Amino acid sequence: MIDAALSSSGAQVIVAASSDENYPPDNIINGNTESFWISTGMFPQEFIIRFADAVKMSLVTIHSYNVKNLKIEKSTSSDATDFDVIAQKEFEHTEGNLQANDFSLSGTTATHLRFIITSGYDHFVSVHRQHLVLRSVTVGQSLHLFLFLWPSLVFSSCDWVLAGITPHLAIASFTCLWSLGQPSARFPISDITSSLLSSLMKRLCAPF
């Protein structure tokens, strides 16, 4: 599954309250828990991550050390303004081990996330990685949706073309997904269902 919070997916750390050339903020989004960003010893500390596109989020996991209280805010603007609090939590102290804390975001949409560390178990804290899970559907749910919409696709189409997607190609795509994954496997809803729904709606709403 694609992690939209990685630099390889286009994410950027656009603001960080502190920075050390040996432990830069970009370490948060490189996907490696062996590297990290470290604070300067005062609170609050914060960093803001910008996504390549607006994302609908299901879960975010923070890998950190010595963080005590953390708050997450989201923005849907293009310029990282108008933030709203969506989650906050007190972390357990894990002496000698990384902290791993999950935040359920229930399909929240955002272009930016701001992470504010309001207190720590020491003067210095570190953030090693944040992992973002997009809202998704199972293969079985996608197949069920497709079968539900398929009659409309067939009987409302005179030329059997849906924005360049033929019915045979659509069937082949879902058959491929079914064969590649178990019924519990999860795929980003934006990658499977949204494009099909968009094409269906354009075609079904178009005049004959």
N, C-alpha and C. Protein backbone atom coordinates (compact mmCIF):
# COMPACT_ATOMS: atom_id res chain seq x y z
N MET A 1 0.83 -1.19 0.00
CA MET A 1 0.00 0.00 0.00
C MET A 1 0.88 1.25 0.00
N ILE A 2 0.47 2.25 -0.76
CA ILE A 2 1.22 3.50 -0.83
C ILE A 2 1.07 4.27 0.47
N ASP A 3 2.20 4.74 1.01
CA ASP A 3 2.20 5.58 2.20
C ASP A 3 2.36 7.03 1.74
N ALA A 4 1.28 7.80 1.82
CA ALA A 4 1.29 9.18 1.33
C ALA A 4 2.17 10.09 2.16
N ALA A 5 2.62 9.62 3.33
CA ALA A 5 3.44 10.45 4.21
C ALA A 5 4.93 10.26 3.98
N LEU A 6 5.31 9.58 2.92
CA LEU A 6 6.73 9.39 2.61
C LEU A 6 7.19 10.40 1.57
N SER A 7 8.45 10.75 1.62
CA SER A 7 9.01 11.66 0.61
C SER A 7 8.94 11.04 -0.77
N SER A 8 9.03 9.71 -0.84
CA SER A 8 8.94 9.03 -2.13
C SER A 8 7.55 9.15 -2.75
N SER A 9 6.55 9.51 -1.94
CA SER A 9 5.18 9.71 -2.43
C SER A 9 4.88 11.19 -2.65
N GLY A 10 5.89 12.03 -2.48
CA GLY A 10 5.71 13.47 -2.71
C GLY A 10 5.48 14.29 -1.46
N ALA A 11 5.49 13.67 -0.27
CA ALA A 11 5.29 14.41 0.98
C ALA A 11 6.53 15.26 1.28
N GLN A 12 6.30 16.38 1.97
CA GLN A 12 7.38 17.29 2.34
C GLN A 12 7.18 17.78 3.77
N VAL A 13 8.28 17.94 4.50
CA VAL A 13 8.23 18.63 5.79
C VAL A 13 8.50 20.10 5.48
N ILE A 14 7.47 20.91 5.59
CA ILE A 14 7.61 22.31 5.18
C ILE A 14 7.92 23.24 6.35
N VAL A 15 7.67 22.77 7.58
CA VAL A 15 7.97 23.56 8.78
C VAL A 15 8.48 22.61 9.86
N ALA A 16 9.52 23.02 10.57
CA ALA A 16 9.99 22.29 11.74
C ALA A 16 10.50 23.30 12.76
N ALA A 17 10.12 23.11 14.02
CA ALA A 17 10.48 24.08 15.05
C ALA A 17 11.97 24.10 15.33
N SER A 18 12.67 23.02 15.02
CA SER A 18 14.12 22.96 15.23
C SER A 18 14.73 22.05 14.18
N SER A 19 16.03 22.22 13.98
CA SER A 19 16.69 21.41 12.96
C SER A 19 18.17 21.26 13.28
N ASP A 20 18.66 20.05 13.13
CA ASP A 20 20.07 19.73 13.30
C ASP A 20 20.52 19.07 12.00
N GLU A 21 21.63 19.51 11.45
CA GLU A 21 22.06 18.98 10.15
C GLU A 21 22.30 17.47 10.18
N ASN A 22 22.57 16.94 11.36
CA ASN A 22 22.76 15.50 11.48
C ASN A 22 21.44 14.74 11.66
N TYR A 23 20.41 15.45 12.07
CA TYR A 23 19.10 14.84 12.31
C TYR A 23 18.02 15.74 11.72
N PRO A 24 17.98 15.90 10.41
CA PRO A 24 17.07 16.85 9.77
C PRO A 24 15.62 16.39 9.80
N PRO A 25 14.68 17.31 9.65
CA PRO A 25 13.25 16.97 9.65
C PRO A 25 12.85 15.96 8.57
N ASP A 26 13.55 15.96 7.45
CA ASP A 26 13.22 15.03 6.37
C ASP A 26 13.37 13.57 6.78
N ASN A 27 14.09 13.32 7.88
CA ASN A 27 14.21 11.95 8.36
C ASN A 27 12.86 11.38 8.80
N ILE A 28 11.92 12.25 9.11
CA ILE A 28 10.59 11.80 9.53
C ILE A 28 9.86 11.10 8.39
N ILE A 29 10.15 11.50 7.16
CA ILE A 29 9.36 11.00 6.02
C ILE A 29 10.17 10.12 5.07
N ASN A 30 11.32 9.60 5.54
CA ASN A 30 12.10 8.73 4.65
C ASN A 30 11.76 7.25 4.82
N GLY A 31 10.86 6.93 5.75
CA GLY A 31 10.41 5.55 5.93
C GLY A 31 11.34 4.68 6.75
N ASN A 32 12.40 5.25 7.31
CA ASN A 32 13.41 4.48 8.04
C ASN A 32 13.39 4.88 9.52
N THR A 33 13.04 3.95 10.39
CA THR A 33 12.99 4.26 11.82
C THR A 33 14.38 4.35 12.45
N GLU A 34 15.42 3.99 11.70
CA GLU A 34 16.80 4.10 12.21
C GLU A 34 17.28 5.54 12.20
N SER A 35 16.68 6.37 11.35
CA SER A 35 17.03 7.79 11.30
C SER A 35 15.90 8.57 11.97
N PHE A 36 16.19 9.83 12.36
CA PHE A 36 15.17 10.57 13.09
C PHE A 36 15.45 12.07 13.08
N TRP A 37 14.40 12.82 13.47
CA TRP A 37 14.50 14.26 13.71
C TRP A 37 14.53 14.46 15.21
N ILE A 38 15.37 15.34 15.69
CA ILE A 38 15.50 15.56 17.13
C ILE A 38 15.18 17.02 17.46
N SER A 39 14.56 17.23 18.63
CA SER A 39 14.19 18.58 19.05
C SER A 39 15.38 19.28 19.69
N THR A 40 15.18 20.56 20.03
CA THR A 40 16.27 21.36 20.60
C THR A 40 16.17 21.49 22.12
N GLY A 41 15.17 20.90 22.74
CA GLY A 41 15.12 20.92 24.19
C GLY A 41 14.08 21.82 24.82
N MET A 42 13.24 22.47 24.04
CA MET A 42 12.18 23.30 24.59
C MET A 42 10.83 22.83 24.02
N PHE A 43 9.76 23.20 24.69
CA PHE A 43 8.42 22.83 24.23
C PHE A 43 7.54 24.07 24.19
N PRO A 44 6.57 24.09 23.25
CA PRO A 44 6.24 23.00 22.32
C PRO A 44 7.20 22.92 21.14
N GLN A 45 7.22 21.74 20.52
CA GLN A 45 7.93 21.50 19.27
C GLN A 45 6.89 21.10 18.23
N GLU A 46 7.13 21.43 16.98
CA GLU A 46 6.15 21.05 15.95
C GLU A 46 6.81 20.87 14.60
N PHE A 47 6.13 20.13 13.76
CA PHE A 47 6.51 20.02 12.35
C PHE A 47 5.24 19.85 11.54
N ILE A 48 5.30 20.33 10.29
CA ILE A 48 4.14 20.26 9.38
C ILE A 48 4.53 19.46 8.15
N ILE A 49 3.68 18.52 7.79
CA ILE A 49 3.89 17.70 6.60
C ILE A 49 2.86 18.07 5.55
N ARG A 50 3.34 18.34 4.34
CA ARG A 50 2.46 18.63 3.20
C ARG A 50 2.42 17.40 2.30
N PHE A 51 1.22 17.00 1.91
CA PHE A 51 1.05 15.86 1.00
C PHE A 51 1.03 16.33 -0.44
N ALA A 52 1.35 15.41 -1.33
CA ALA A 52 1.36 15.76 -2.75
C ALA A 52 -0.04 16.14 -3.23
N ASP A 53 -1.06 15.48 -2.68
CA ASP A 53 -2.46 15.76 -2.98
C ASP A 53 -3.26 15.61 -1.69
N ALA A 54 -4.48 16.11 -1.71
CA ALA A 54 -5.36 15.91 -0.56
C ALA A 54 -5.58 14.41 -0.37
N VAL A 55 -5.51 13.95 0.86
CA VAL A 55 -5.66 12.53 1.14
C VAL A 55 -6.76 12.32 2.17
N LYS A 56 -7.45 11.19 2.06
CA LYS A 56 -8.45 10.79 3.05
C LYS A 56 -7.80 9.73 3.92
N MET A 57 -7.66 10.03 5.20
CA MET A 57 -6.82 9.22 6.08
C MET A 57 -7.67 8.34 7.00
N SER A 58 -7.14 7.15 7.26
CA SER A 58 -7.78 6.23 8.19
C SER A 58 -7.02 6.15 9.51
N LEU A 59 -5.69 6.11 9.42
CA LEU A 59 -4.86 5.90 10.61
C LEU A 59 -3.48 6.52 10.39
N VAL A 60 -2.93 7.10 11.44
CA VAL A 60 -1.55 7.56 11.39
C VAL A 60 -0.82 6.97 12.60
N THR A 61 0.38 6.46 12.36
CA THR A 61 1.20 5.88 13.41
C THR A 61 2.47 6.70 13.58
N ILE A 62 2.78 7.09 14.81
CA ILE A 62 3.96 7.88 15.11
C ILE A 62 4.98 7.02 15.84
N HIS A 63 6.19 6.95 15.29
CA HIS A 63 7.30 6.27 15.94
C HIS A 63 8.21 7.35 16.53
N SER A 64 8.39 7.33 17.84
CA SER A 64 9.09 8.44 18.50
C SER A 64 9.85 7.93 19.72
N TYR A 65 10.52 8.88 20.39
CA TYR A 65 11.22 8.55 21.64
C TYR A 65 11.14 9.75 22.59
N ASN A 66 10.75 9.48 23.81
CA ASN A 66 10.65 10.47 24.88
C ASN A 66 9.53 11.49 24.71
N VAL A 67 8.65 11.29 23.73
CA VAL A 67 7.49 12.18 23.58
C VAL A 67 6.46 11.83 24.65
N LYS A 68 5.91 12.84 25.31
CA LYS A 68 4.88 12.60 26.33
C LYS A 68 3.49 12.96 25.81
N ASN A 69 3.33 14.17 25.32
CA ASN A 69 2.02 14.59 24.80
C ASN A 69 2.17 15.13 23.39
N LEU A 70 1.28 14.65 22.52
CA LEU A 70 1.33 15.08 21.12
C LEU A 70 -0.07 15.37 20.62
N LYS A 71 -0.18 16.43 19.85
CA LYS A 71 -1.46 16.84 19.26
C LYS A 71 -1.30 16.89 17.74
N ILE A 72 -2.34 16.44 17.03
CA ILE A 72 -2.33 16.45 15.56
C ILE A 72 -3.41 17.40 15.07
N GLU A 73 -3.04 18.29 14.17
CA GLU A 73 -3.99 19.20 13.53
C GLU A 73 -3.94 19.00 12.03
N LYS A 74 -5.06 19.28 11.37
CA LYS A 74 -5.11 19.11 9.91
C LYS A 74 -5.57 20.40 9.24
N SER A 75 -5.12 20.55 8.00
CA SER A 75 -5.54 21.67 7.18
C SER A 75 -5.93 21.13 5.81
N THR A 76 -6.94 21.74 5.22
CA THR A 76 -7.35 21.36 3.86
C THR A 76 -7.02 22.45 2.86
N SER A 77 -6.32 23.49 3.32
CA SER A 77 -5.95 24.59 2.44
C SER A 77 -4.69 24.23 1.65
N SER A 78 -4.40 25.03 0.66
CA SER A 78 -3.22 24.79 -0.17
C SER A 78 -1.97 25.44 0.41
N ASP A 79 -2.14 26.31 1.41
CA ASP A 79 -1.00 27.07 1.94
C ASP A 79 -0.78 26.86 3.44
N ALA A 80 -1.23 25.72 3.95
CA ALA A 80 -0.97 25.35 5.35
C ALA A 80 -1.49 26.38 6.33
N THR A 81 -2.77 26.73 6.19
CA THR A 81 -3.42 27.64 7.12
C THR A 81 -4.72 26.99 7.61
N ASP A 82 -5.34 27.64 8.60
CA ASP A 82 -6.64 27.18 9.12
C ASP A 82 -6.59 25.73 9.59
N PHE A 83 -5.76 25.48 10.59
CA PHE A 83 -5.63 24.13 11.15
C PHE A 83 -6.70 23.86 12.20
N ASP A 84 -7.15 22.61 12.23
CA ASP A 84 -8.12 22.15 13.22
C ASP A 84 -7.55 20.93 13.94
N VAL A 85 -7.77 20.87 15.25
CA VAL A 85 -7.30 19.71 16.03
C VAL A 85 -8.14 18.49 15.69
N ILE A 86 -7.47 17.37 15.38
CA ILE A 86 -8.20 16.14 15.06
C ILE A 86 -7.85 14.99 16.01
N ALA A 87 -6.75 15.12 16.76
CA ALA A 87 -6.39 14.04 17.69
C ALA A 87 -5.33 14.54 18.66
N GLN A 88 -5.31 13.98 19.86
CA GLN A 88 -4.24 14.25 20.81
C GLN A 88 -4.14 13.07 21.77
N LYS A 89 -2.95 12.88 22.30
CA LYS A 89 -2.72 11.67 23.09
C LYS A 89 -1.51 11.85 24.00
N GLU A 90 -1.56 11.19 25.15
CA GLU A 90 -0.40 11.09 26.02
C GLU A 90 0.27 9.74 25.78
N PHE A 91 1.56 9.76 25.46
CA PHE A 91 2.30 8.54 25.15
C PHE A 91 2.85 7.92 26.43
N GLU A 92 2.93 6.60 26.43
CA GLU A 92 3.60 5.91 27.53
C GLU A 92 5.11 6.04 27.39
N HIS A 93 5.80 6.07 28.53
CA HIS A 93 7.26 6.13 28.50
C HIS A 93 7.80 4.73 28.25
N THR A 94 8.63 4.59 27.22
CA THR A 94 9.20 3.29 26.86
C THR A 94 10.72 3.39 26.94
N GLU A 95 11.25 3.25 28.11
CA GLU A 95 12.69 3.41 28.34
C GLU A 95 13.49 2.45 27.47
N GLY A 96 14.37 3.02 26.61
CA GLY A 96 15.23 2.20 25.78
C GLY A 96 14.59 1.66 24.52
N ASN A 97 13.30 1.94 24.31
CA ASN A 97 12.60 1.45 23.11
C ASN A 97 11.81 2.59 22.46
N LEU A 98 11.60 2.47 21.15
CA LEU A 98 10.80 3.46 20.45
C LEU A 98 9.34 3.36 20.88
N GLN A 99 8.70 4.52 20.91
CA GLN A 99 7.25 4.56 21.13
C GLN A 99 6.56 4.38 19.78
N ALA A 100 5.48 3.64 19.76
CA ALA A 100 4.66 3.48 18.55
C ALA A 100 3.22 3.73 18.95
N ASN A 101 2.65 4.82 18.47
CA ASN A 101 1.29 5.19 18.86
C ASN A 101 0.42 5.43 17.63
N ASP A 102 -0.78 4.85 17.67
CA ASP A 102 -1.73 4.97 16.57
C ASP A 102 -2.77 6.04 16.87
N PHE A 103 -3.17 6.77 15.83
CA PHE A 103 -4.26 7.73 15.92
C PHE A 103 -5.28 7.38 14.85
N SER A 104 -6.49 7.06 15.25
CA SER A 104 -7.55 6.79 14.29
C SER A 104 -8.12 8.11 13.78
N LEU A 105 -8.15 8.26 12.45
CA LEU A 105 -8.56 9.53 11.85
C LEU A 105 -9.90 9.43 11.11
N SER A 106 -10.44 8.25 11.00
CA SER A 106 -11.83 8.03 10.53
C SER A 106 -12.17 8.73 9.21
N GLY A 107 -11.29 8.62 8.24
CA GLY A 107 -11.59 9.19 6.93
C GLY A 107 -11.41 10.69 6.81
N THR A 108 -10.67 11.30 7.75
CA THR A 108 -10.40 12.74 7.70
C THR A 108 -9.60 13.09 6.45
N THR A 109 -9.99 14.16 5.77
CA THR A 109 -9.28 14.62 4.58
C THR A 109 -8.37 15.79 4.93
N ALA A 110 -7.16 15.78 4.37
CA ALA A 110 -6.21 16.86 4.67
C ALA A 110 -5.20 17.03 3.54
N THR A 111 -4.70 18.25 3.44
CA THR A 111 -3.57 18.54 2.56
C THR A 111 -2.29 18.67 3.38
N HIS A 112 -2.46 18.99 4.66
CA HIS A 112 -1.33 19.15 5.59
C HIS A 112 -1.69 18.56 6.94
N LEU A 113 -0.70 18.04 7.64
CA LEU A 113 -0.84 17.64 9.04
C LEU A 113 0.21 18.38 9.86
N ARG A 114 -0.23 18.94 10.99
CA ARG A 114 0.71 19.58 11.91
C ARG A 114 0.78 18.74 13.20
N PHE A 115 1.98 18.36 13.58
CA PHE A 115 2.22 17.57 14.77
C PHE A 115 2.85 18.48 15.83
N ILE A 116 2.18 18.64 16.96
CA ILE A 116 2.66 19.52 18.01
C ILE A 116 2.98 18.69 19.25
N ILE A 117 4.26 18.68 19.64
CA ILE A 117 4.71 17.98 20.84
C ILE A 117 4.69 18.99 21.97
N THR A 118 3.76 18.82 22.90
CA THR A 118 3.59 19.81 23.97
C THR A 118 4.44 19.50 25.20
N SER A 119 4.87 18.25 25.34
CA SER A 119 5.74 17.90 26.47
C SER A 119 6.47 16.61 26.19
N GLY A 120 7.55 16.37 26.94
CA GLY A 120 8.34 15.17 26.75
C GLY A 120 8.78 14.58 28.07
N TYR A 121 9.34 13.38 28.02
CA TYR A 121 9.88 12.74 29.22
C TYR A 121 11.33 13.14 29.47
N ASP A 122 11.88 13.94 28.57
CA ASP A 122 13.24 14.46 28.70
C ASP A 122 13.27 15.82 28.01
N HIS A 123 14.38 16.50 28.10
CA HIS A 123 14.51 17.79 27.44
C HIS A 123 14.52 17.65 25.92
N PHE A 124 15.00 16.51 25.44
CA PHE A 124 15.09 16.27 24.01
C PHE A 124 14.18 15.09 23.63
N VAL A 125 13.48 15.24 22.52
CA VAL A 125 12.64 14.15 22.01
C VAL A 125 13.00 13.92 20.55
N SER A 126 12.64 12.76 20.04
CA SER A 126 12.92 12.47 18.63
C SER A 126 11.70 11.83 17.98
N VAL A 127 11.51 12.13 16.70
CA VAL A 127 10.47 11.50 15.90
C VAL A 127 11.16 10.76 14.77
N HIS A 128 10.90 9.46 14.68
CA HIS A 128 11.62 8.59 13.74
C HIS A 128 10.84 8.36 12.45
N ARG A 129 9.53 8.27 12.58
CA ARG A 129 8.74 8.03 11.38
C ARG A 129 7.28 8.28 11.70
N GLN A 130 6.54 8.69 10.68
CA GLN A 130 5.09 8.69 10.80
C GLN A 130 4.54 7.96 9.58
N HIS A 131 3.68 7.01 9.85
CA HIS A 131 3.13 6.14 8.80
C HIS A 131 1.66 6.44 8.65
N LEU A 132 1.24 6.73 7.42
CA LEU A 132 -0.15 7.12 7.16
C LEU A 132 -0.86 6.04 6.36
N VAL A 133 -2.01 5.60 6.89
CA VAL A 133 -2.85 4.62 6.19
C VAL A 133 -4.04 5.37 5.60
N LEU A 134 -4.20 5.26 4.29
CA LEU A 134 -5.33 5.92 3.64
C LEU A 134 -6.60 5.12 3.84
N ARG A 135 -7.73 5.81 3.80
CA ARG A 135 -9.01 5.11 3.87
C ARG A 135 -9.11 4.19 2.67
N SER A 136 -9.53 2.95 2.92
CA SER A 136 -9.50 1.96 1.85
C SER A 136 -10.71 1.06 1.89
N VAL A 137 -10.84 0.26 0.84
CA VAL A 137 -11.89 -0.74 0.76
C VAL A 137 -11.24 -2.08 0.48
N THR A 138 -11.92 -3.17 0.85
CA THR A 138 -11.38 -4.48 0.56
C THR A 138 -11.62 -4.83 -0.90
N VAL A 139 -10.89 -5.81 -1.40
CA VAL A 139 -11.10 -6.28 -2.77
C VAL A 139 -12.53 -6.75 -2.92
N GLY A 140 -13.03 -7.47 -1.92
CA GLY A 140 -14.39 -7.97 -1.99
C GLY A 140 -15.40 -6.85 -2.09
N GLN A 141 -15.18 -5.75 -1.34
CA GLN A 141 -16.08 -4.60 -1.39
C GLN A 141 -16.03 -3.93 -2.76
N SER A 142 -14.85 -3.84 -3.34
CA SER A 142 -14.71 -3.23 -4.67
C SER A 142 -15.43 -4.06 -5.71
N LEU A 143 -15.28 -5.39 -5.62
CA LEU A 143 -15.93 -6.28 -6.57
C LEU A 143 -17.44 -6.19 -6.41
N HIS A 144 -17.92 -6.12 -5.17
CA HIS A 144 -19.35 -6.00 -4.93
C HIS A 144 -19.90 -4.71 -5.52
N LEU A 145 -19.17 -3.61 -5.33
CA LEU A 145 -19.58 -2.32 -5.89
C LEU A 145 -19.63 -2.38 -7.40
N PHE A 146 -18.62 -3.01 -8.01
CA PHE A 146 -18.56 -3.11 -9.45
C PHE A 146 -19.74 -3.89 -10.00
N LEU A 147 -20.06 -5.05 -9.36
CA LEU A 147 -21.16 -5.89 -9.82
C LEU A 147 -22.49 -5.17 -9.65
N PHE A 148 -22.58 -4.33 -8.60
CA PHE A 148 -23.80 -3.56 -8.39
C PHE A 148 -24.00 -2.53 -9.50
N LEU A 149 -22.92 -1.91 -9.96
CA LEU A 149 -23.01 -0.86 -10.96
C LEU A 149 -22.97 -1.38 -12.40
N TRP A 150 -22.56 -2.63 -12.57
CA TRP A 150 -22.35 -3.16 -13.92
C TRP A 150 -23.59 -3.12 -14.79
N PRO A 151 -24.82 -3.47 -14.27
CA PRO A 151 -26.00 -3.39 -15.14
C PRO A 151 -26.22 -2.01 -15.71
N SER A 152 -25.98 -0.97 -14.91
CA SER A 152 -26.14 0.39 -15.41
C SER A 152 -25.14 0.68 -16.51
N LEU A 153 -23.95 0.15 -16.35
CA LEU A 153 -22.91 0.35 -17.35
C LEU A 153 -23.30 -0.29 -18.67
N VAL A 154 -23.82 -1.51 -18.61
CA VAL A 154 -24.15 -2.25 -19.83
C VAL A 154 -25.35 -1.67 -20.53
N PHE A 155 -26.43 -1.48 -19.79
CA PHE A 155 -27.69 -1.15 -20.43
C PHE A 155 -27.87 0.33 -20.71
N SER A 156 -26.99 1.18 -20.20
CA SER A 156 -27.10 2.60 -20.52
C SER A 156 -26.08 3.03 -21.55
N SER A 157 -25.25 2.12 -21.99
CA SER A 157 -24.18 2.48 -22.91
C SER A 157 -24.50 1.98 -24.31
N CYS A 158 -24.53 2.90 -25.26
CA CYS A 158 -24.77 2.53 -26.65
C CYS A 158 -23.48 2.14 -27.35
N ASP A 159 -22.39 2.70 -26.91
CA ASP A 159 -21.11 2.44 -27.60
C ASP A 159 -20.16 1.61 -26.74
N TRP A 160 -20.61 1.16 -25.54
CA TRP A 160 -19.81 0.30 -24.65
C TRP A 160 -18.48 0.94 -24.27
N VAL A 161 -18.47 2.27 -24.22
CA VAL A 161 -17.23 2.94 -23.83
C VAL A 161 -17.50 3.85 -22.65
N LEU A 162 -16.66 3.73 -21.64
CA LEU A 162 -16.78 4.56 -20.44
C LEU A 162 -15.51 5.39 -20.28
N ALA A 163 -15.52 6.56 -20.85
CA ALA A 163 -14.34 7.43 -20.75
C ALA A 163 -13.07 6.68 -21.13
N GLY A 164 -13.16 5.88 -22.18
CA GLY A 164 -11.98 5.15 -22.64
C GLY A 164 -11.79 3.80 -21.98
N ILE A 165 -12.69 3.43 -21.05
CA ILE A 165 -12.58 2.13 -20.39
C ILE A 165 -13.68 1.22 -20.90
N THR A 166 -13.34 0.18 -21.60
CA THR A 166 -14.35 -0.75 -22.09
C THR A 166 -14.80 -1.65 -20.97
N PRO A 167 -16.01 -2.20 -21.07
CA PRO A 167 -16.48 -3.13 -20.05
C PRO A 167 -15.56 -4.33 -19.88
N HIS A 168 -15.02 -4.83 -20.99
CA HIS A 168 -14.12 -5.97 -20.90
C HIS A 168 -12.87 -5.64 -20.10
N LEU A 169 -12.36 -4.41 -20.30
CA LEU A 169 -11.17 -3.99 -19.56
C LEU A 169 -11.47 -3.84 -18.08
N ALA A 170 -12.66 -3.30 -17.78
CA ALA A 170 -13.05 -3.14 -16.39
C ALA A 170 -13.17 -4.49 -15.70
N ILE A 171 -13.79 -5.47 -16.38
CA ILE A 171 -13.92 -6.81 -15.81
C ILE A 171 -12.54 -7.41 -15.58
N ALA A 172 -11.67 -7.23 -16.55
CA ALA A 172 -10.32 -7.79 -16.43
C ALA A 172 -9.57 -7.18 -15.25
N SER A 173 -9.78 -5.86 -15.02
CA SER A 173 -9.09 -5.18 -13.92
C SER A 173 -9.53 -5.74 -12.58
N PHE A 174 -10.83 -5.91 -12.41
CA PHE A 174 -11.31 -6.42 -11.13
C PHE A 174 -10.97 -7.89 -10.96
N THR A 175 -10.97 -8.64 -12.05
CA THR A 175 -10.58 -10.04 -11.97
C THR A 175 -9.14 -10.16 -11.54
N CYS A 176 -8.29 -9.28 -12.07
CA CYS A 176 -6.88 -9.27 -11.70
C CYS A 176 -6.71 -8.94 -10.22
N LEU A 177 -7.44 -7.93 -9.74
CA LEU A 177 -7.36 -7.56 -8.33
C LEU A 177 -7.80 -8.71 -7.44
N TRP A 178 -8.84 -9.40 -7.86
CA TRP A 178 -9.35 -10.51 -7.06
C TRP A 178 -8.33 -11.64 -6.99
N SER A 179 -7.66 -11.89 -8.09
CA SER A 179 -6.70 -12.99 -8.11
C SER A 179 -5.42 -12.66 -7.36
N LEU A 180 -5.08 -11.35 -7.28
CA LEU A 180 -3.84 -10.95 -6.61
C LEU A 180 -3.97 -10.85 -5.10
N GLY A 181 -5.17 -10.61 -4.59
CA GLY A 181 -5.33 -10.39 -3.15
C GLY A 181 -6.35 -11.30 -2.52
N GLN A 182 -6.20 -11.51 -1.22
CA GLN A 182 -7.19 -12.23 -0.45
C GLN A 182 -8.36 -11.28 -0.20
N PRO A 183 -9.53 -11.82 0.19
CA PRO A 183 -10.68 -10.94 0.45
C PRO A 183 -10.40 -9.88 1.50
N SER A 184 -9.41 -10.13 2.40
CA SER A 184 -9.13 -9.15 3.45
C SER A 184 -8.06 -8.14 3.03
N ALA A 185 -7.45 -8.34 1.88
CA ALA A 185 -6.41 -7.40 1.44
C ALA A 185 -7.04 -6.04 1.20
N ARG A 186 -6.29 -4.97 1.50
CA ARG A 186 -6.86 -3.64 1.42
C ARG A 186 -6.13 -2.80 0.37
N PHE A 187 -6.90 -2.00 -0.35
CA PHE A 187 -6.36 -1.15 -1.39
C PHE A 187 -6.91 0.25 -1.18
N PRO A 188 -6.13 1.29 -1.50
CA PRO A 188 -6.62 2.66 -1.36
C PRO A 188 -7.85 2.87 -2.21
N ILE A 189 -8.88 3.48 -1.63
CA ILE A 189 -10.11 3.68 -2.37
C ILE A 189 -9.88 4.58 -3.58
N SER A 190 -8.91 5.49 -3.48
CA SER A 190 -8.65 6.40 -4.60
C SER A 190 -8.07 5.66 -5.80
N ASP A 191 -7.38 4.54 -5.56
CA ASP A 191 -6.73 3.82 -6.64
C ASP A 191 -7.69 2.89 -7.38
N ILE A 192 -8.75 2.41 -6.73
CA ILE A 192 -9.60 1.40 -7.35
C ILE A 192 -10.97 1.95 -7.68
N THR A 193 -11.65 2.45 -6.65
CA THR A 193 -13.06 2.74 -6.80
C THR A 193 -13.34 4.12 -7.37
N SER A 194 -12.58 5.12 -6.97
CA SER A 194 -12.91 6.49 -7.34
C SER A 194 -12.87 6.72 -8.85
N SER A 195 -11.85 6.18 -9.52
CA SER A 195 -11.75 6.41 -10.96
C SER A 195 -12.90 5.74 -11.70
N LEU A 196 -13.29 4.54 -11.23
CA LEU A 196 -14.40 3.84 -11.86
C LEU A 196 -15.69 4.59 -11.63
N LEU A 197 -15.93 5.03 -10.38
CA LEU A 197 -17.14 5.77 -10.07
C LEU A 197 -17.23 7.06 -10.88
N SER A 198 -16.08 7.75 -10.97
CA SER A 198 -16.06 9.00 -11.72
C SER A 198 -16.44 8.77 -13.18
N SER A 199 -15.86 7.73 -13.77
CA SER A 199 -16.16 7.42 -15.17
C SER A 199 -17.62 7.02 -15.34
N LEU A 200 -18.10 6.21 -14.40
CA LEU A 200 -19.50 5.79 -14.46
C LEU A 200 -20.44 6.99 -14.41
N MET A 201 -20.19 7.89 -13.46
CA MET A 201 -21.08 9.03 -13.29
C MET A 201 -21.05 9.94 -14.51
N LYS A 202 -19.87 10.14 -15.08
CA LYS A 202 -19.78 10.98 -16.28
C LYS A 202 -20.57 10.37 -17.43
N ARG A 203 -20.46 9.05 -17.55
CA ARG A 203 -21.13 8.38 -18.65
C ARG A 203 -22.64 8.30 -18.44
N LEU A 204 -23.05 7.99 -17.21
CA LEU A 204 -24.46 7.80 -16.94
C LEU A 204 -25.22 9.11 -16.93
N CYS A 205 -24.52 10.21 -16.62
CA CYS A 205 -25.17 11.52 -16.58
C CYS A 205 -25.12 12.22 -17.93
N ALA A 206 -24.35 11.70 -18.86
CA ALA A 206 -24.23 12.33 -20.18
C ALA A 206 -25.49 12.06 -21.00
N PRO A 207 -25.88 13.00 -21.84
CA PRO A 207 -27.08 12.79 -22.69
C PRO A 207 -26.79 11.73 -23.74
N PHE A 208 -27.83 10.96 -24.10
CA PHE A 208 -27.68 9.92 -25.13
C PHE A 208 -27.69 10.55 -26.52
